[in-house]
Protein backbone atom coordinates (compact mmCIF):
# COMPACT_ATOMS: atom_id res chain seq x y z
CA MET A 1 122.39 64.28 123.16
CA LYS A 2 126.01 63.40 124.45
CA ASP A 3 126.16 62.16 127.96
CA GLU A 4 128.65 64.88 129.53
CA GLN A 5 130.25 64.88 132.92
CA THR A 6 129.58 67.71 135.37
CA ILE A 7 132.42 69.72 136.55
CA PHE A 8 132.15 67.99 140.05
CA GLN A 9 132.55 64.45 138.29
CA LYS A 10 135.36 65.76 136.35
CA MET A 11 137.11 67.11 139.56
CA ILE A 12 136.69 63.76 141.25
CA LEU A 13 138.39 62.08 138.23
CA LEU A 14 141.08 64.44 138.53
CA LYS A 15 141.57 64.11 142.21
CA LYS A 16 141.71 60.14 141.70
CA SER A 17 144.39 60.58 139.25
CA ILE A 18 146.79 62.43 141.44
CA ASP A 19 149.53 60.26 143.01
CA VAL A 20 151.35 61.45 146.08
CA LEU A 21 152.59 65.09 146.17
CA TYR A 22 155.93 65.33 148.04
CA LYS A 23 157.05 68.54 149.83
CA ASP A 24 159.87 69.71 147.81
CA GLU A 25 160.35 73.14 148.75
CA ARG A 26 161.21 74.74 152.06
CA ASN A 27 160.29 78.11 153.64
CA GLU A 28 163.53 78.77 155.86
CA PHE A 29 161.84 81.87 157.47
CA HIS A 30 158.85 80.06 158.84
CA LYS A 31 160.62 76.72 159.12
CA PHE A 32 158.18 74.62 157.11
CA ASN A 33 158.07 72.47 154.00
CA TYR A 34 155.59 72.70 151.09
CA VAL A 35 154.72 71.41 147.79
CA SER A 36 155.80 73.77 144.96
CA SER A 37 153.22 75.03 142.57
CA TYR A 38 155.33 73.61 139.83
CA ASN A 39 155.03 69.98 141.30
CA VAL A 40 151.19 70.62 141.75
CA LEU A 41 150.80 71.72 138.02
CA LYS A 42 153.01 69.01 136.66
CA SER A 43 150.78 66.31 138.52
CA VAL A 44 147.43 67.65 137.36
CA ARG A 45 147.91 69.50 133.96
CA GLU A 46 147.74 66.28 131.70
CA LYS A 47 144.55 65.05 133.28
CA MET A 48 143.07 68.51 133.35
CA ASN A 49 143.57 68.73 129.55
CA GLU A 50 142.14 65.29 129.12
CA LEU A 51 138.95 66.29 131.03
CA GLY A 52 138.56 69.63 129.51
CA ILE A 53 139.24 71.41 132.88
CA LEU A 54 140.39 75.06 132.71
CA VAL A 55 141.31 77.01 136.01
CA VAL A 56 141.30 80.63 135.69
CA PRO A 57 142.42 82.58 138.80
CA LYS A 58 140.54 85.67 139.68
CA ILE A 59 141.71 88.53 141.89
CA ASN A 60 138.76 90.00 143.85
CA LYS A 61 140.79 92.60 145.86
CA SER A 62 144.09 94.32 145.71
CA THR A 63 145.86 95.98 148.41
CA VAL A 64 149.23 97.80 148.81
CA THR A 65 151.01 97.68 152.16
CA GLN A 66 154.12 99.80 153.28
CA ILE A 67 156.15 98.31 156.09
CA ASN A 68 159.01 100.41 157.67
CA TYR A 69 161.88 98.49 159.18
CA HIS A 70 164.83 99.62 161.19
CA ASP A 71 168.13 97.99 161.35
CA GLU A 72 170.46 97.73 164.28
CA LYS A 73 171.75 101.27 163.83
CA ALA A 74 168.09 102.63 163.59
CA GLN A 75 168.35 103.27 160.02
CA ARG A 76 165.24 103.13 158.26
CA LEU A 77 164.55 100.21 155.64
CA ASN A 78 161.30 100.49 153.48
CA SER A 79 159.59 97.43 152.07
CA SER A 80 156.44 97.71 149.86
CA GLN A 81 154.16 95.02 148.68
CA SER A 82 151.45 94.98 145.93
CA LEU A 83 149.09 91.98 145.06
CA ILE A 84 148.78 93.24 141.46
């Protein structure tokens, strides 16, 4: 029988392979910097493929929210958001 690594051992190897991730994007509204998803994926994809790790996102709950805004002239502005 082949000596296989557990998912936890693979994740440790993946973590060790990641160099520094620099904050390359900025949220101007909330005034903070963050690492883009592109740079995260670029940093881990090759090692994930090598180790045979596949990450599949799962949505547990979906909600729809409607927020009504008013501008300076009290005109109604609508904004809707859906997670799916």
